[in-house]
Amino acid sequence: MTKSNEETIYFVKCNKELQAISLKDITYINCDGYICSIYNEEDKLIASQTKLLKNYETELEQYGFVRINRKTIINAKSIKQIDLKNRKIILTNNKIMTVSRRKLIILRKKFEN
């Protein structure tokens, strides 16, 4: 990761190349097995990488990314609304994601302060 003009760039290894992605362009990261897919605001796939979601979580936590369940990490700046009763998060692109019970408690503490 590097900083350039207040914008943080994240490098993803994709097809034996390093692809530069601005963190502000990442809306969420979804993992299916060992393949993690990175999506933007238009819900388009930016890149895929064989990497554990846990590694993304530790690397991106300091930049405002939060894990909402065992398969998904979202950019907190992309959250439009959190439905505590139904355990749903509505993103700025109106995509609805489910939050696990355990992560809902953590999110609630983090955002209510």
Protein backbone atom coordinates (compact mmCIF):
# COMPACT_ATOMS: atom_id res chain seq x y z
CA MET A 1 0.00 0.00 0.00
CA THR A 2 1.22 3.44 -0.83
CA LYS A 3 -0.07 6.95 -0.34
CA SER A 4 -0.27 9.36 -3.24
CA ASN A 5 -2.04 12.72 -3.02
CA GLU A 6 -4.15 11.74 0.02
CA GLU A 7 -5.37 8.64 -1.86
CA THR A 8 -4.37 5.21 -0.60
CA ILE A 9 -3.48 2.70 -3.27
CA TYR A 10 -3.73 -1.04 -2.65
CA PHE A 11 -1.90 -3.52 -4.88
CA VAL A 12 -3.59 -6.81 -5.78
CA LYS A 13 -1.78 -9.69 -7.47
CA CYS A 14 -3.96 -10.62 -10.44
CA ASN A 15 -2.88 -12.89 -13.31
CA LYS A 16 0.83 -12.68 -12.42
CA GLU A 17 0.66 -8.87 -12.37
CA LEU A 18 0.18 -6.29 -9.63
CA GLN A 19 -2.93 -4.22 -10.16
CA ALA A 20 -3.23 -0.86 -8.37
CA ILE A 21 -6.64 -0.15 -6.83
CA SER A 22 -7.63 2.97 -4.93
CA LEU A 23 -9.15 2.02 -1.57
CA LYS A 24 -11.91 4.59 -2.04
CA ASP A 25 -13.06 2.62 -5.10
CA ILE A 26 -13.52 -0.61 -3.14
CA THR A 27 -17.06 -1.06 -1.82
CA TYR A 28 -16.76 -4.62 -0.54
CA ILE A 29 -14.68 -7.79 -0.72
CA ASN A 30 -16.46 -11.12 -0.93
CA CYS A 31 -14.76 -14.47 -0.42
CA ASP A 32 -15.79 -17.83 -1.83
CA GLY A 33 -13.40 -20.46 -0.55
CA TYR A 34 -9.92 -19.09 -1.16
CA ILE A 35 -10.90 -16.73 -3.98
CA CYS A 36 -11.54 -13.17 -2.83
CA SER A 37 -13.36 -10.87 -5.22
CA ILE A 38 -13.13 -7.08 -4.92
CA TYR A 39 -16.14 -5.01 -6.03
CA ASN A 40 -16.66 -1.32 -6.71
CA GLU A 41 -19.63 1.06 -6.22
CA GLU A 42 -21.34 -0.14 -9.43
CA ASP A 43 -21.13 -3.73 -8.08
CA LYS A 44 -18.60 -4.60 -10.79
CA LEU A 45 -15.74 -6.99 -10.16
CA ILE A 46 -12.47 -5.06 -9.97
CA ALA A 47 -10.14 -7.98 -9.25
CA SER A 48 -9.96 -11.51 -7.87
CA GLN A 49 -7.15 -12.93 -5.83
CA THR A 50 -6.32 -16.14 -4.02
CA LYS A 51 -5.94 -14.80 -0.51
CA LEU A 52 -7.53 -15.40 2.87
CA LEU A 53 -10.20 -12.90 3.88
CA LYS A 54 -8.54 -12.71 7.30
CA ASN A 55 -5.46 -11.21 5.64
CA TYR A 56 -7.55 -8.52 3.93
CA GLU A 57 -9.23 -7.81 7.25
CA THR A 58 -5.97 -7.14 9.09
CA GLU A 59 -4.48 -5.12 6.21
CA LEU A 60 -7.52 -2.92 5.56
CA GLU A 61 -8.93 -2.45 9.07
CA GLN A 62 -6.90 0.74 9.60
CA TYR A 63 -8.47 2.21 6.43
CA GLY A 64 -12.06 1.86 7.64
CA PHE A 65 -12.96 -1.60 6.36
CA VAL A 66 -15.06 -3.84 8.61
CA ARG A 67 -15.91 -7.52 8.46
CA ILE A 68 -19.67 -8.14 8.56
CA ASN A 69 -19.77 -11.92 8.28
CA ARG A 70 -17.49 -14.85 7.51
CA LYS A 71 -17.46 -14.10 3.78
CA THR A 72 -17.58 -10.30 3.47
CA ILE A 73 -15.61 -7.16 4.33
CA ILE A 74 -17.11 -3.77 3.49
CA ASN A 75 -15.79 -0.24 3.26
CA ALA A 76 -17.42 1.63 6.16
CA LYS A 77 -17.64 4.73 3.95
CA SER A 78 -20.04 2.77 1.72
CA ILE A 79 -22.58 2.16 4.50
CA LYS A 80 -25.83 4.03 4.00
CA GLN A 81 -27.92 2.39 6.72
CA ILE A 82 -27.68 -0.39 9.32
CA ASP A 83 -30.91 -2.26 10.10
CA LEU A 84 -30.24 -3.62 13.60
CA LYS A 85 -33.51 -5.54 13.84
CA ASN A 86 -33.08 -7.53 10.62
CA ARG A 87 -29.25 -7.58 10.71
CA LYS A 88 -28.92 -5.94 7.30
CA ILE A 89 -26.58 -3.28 5.95
CA ILE A 90 -27.66 -1.12 3.04
CA LEU A 91 -24.76 0.22 1.02
CA THR A 92 -24.69 3.50 -0.89
CA ASN A 93 -25.38 1.57 -4.10
CA ASN A 94 -28.53 0.11 -2.40
CA LYS A 95 -27.05 -3.39 -2.18
CA ILE A 96 -28.30 -5.20 0.92
CA MET A 97 -25.88 -7.39 2.89
CA THR A 98 -26.49 -9.61 5.90
CA VAL A 99 -24.52 -9.11 9.11
CA SER A 100 -23.76 -11.99 11.46
CA ARG A 101 -25.02 -11.69 15.04
CA ARG A 102 -21.51 -11.51 16.46
CA LYS A 103 -20.34 -8.85 13.99
CA LEU A 104 -23.53 -6.82 14.53
CA ILE A 105 -22.57 -6.34 18.18
CA ILE A 106 -19.11 -5.11 17.12
CA LEU A 107 -20.54 -2.79 14.44
CA ARG A 108 -23.08 -1.38 16.86
CA LYS A 109 -20.38 -0.49 19.39
CA LYS A 110 -18.15 0.96 16.70
CA PHE A 111 -20.75 3.21 15.07
CA GLU A 112 -22.84 4.27 18.10
CA ASN A 113 -19.89 6.06 19.72
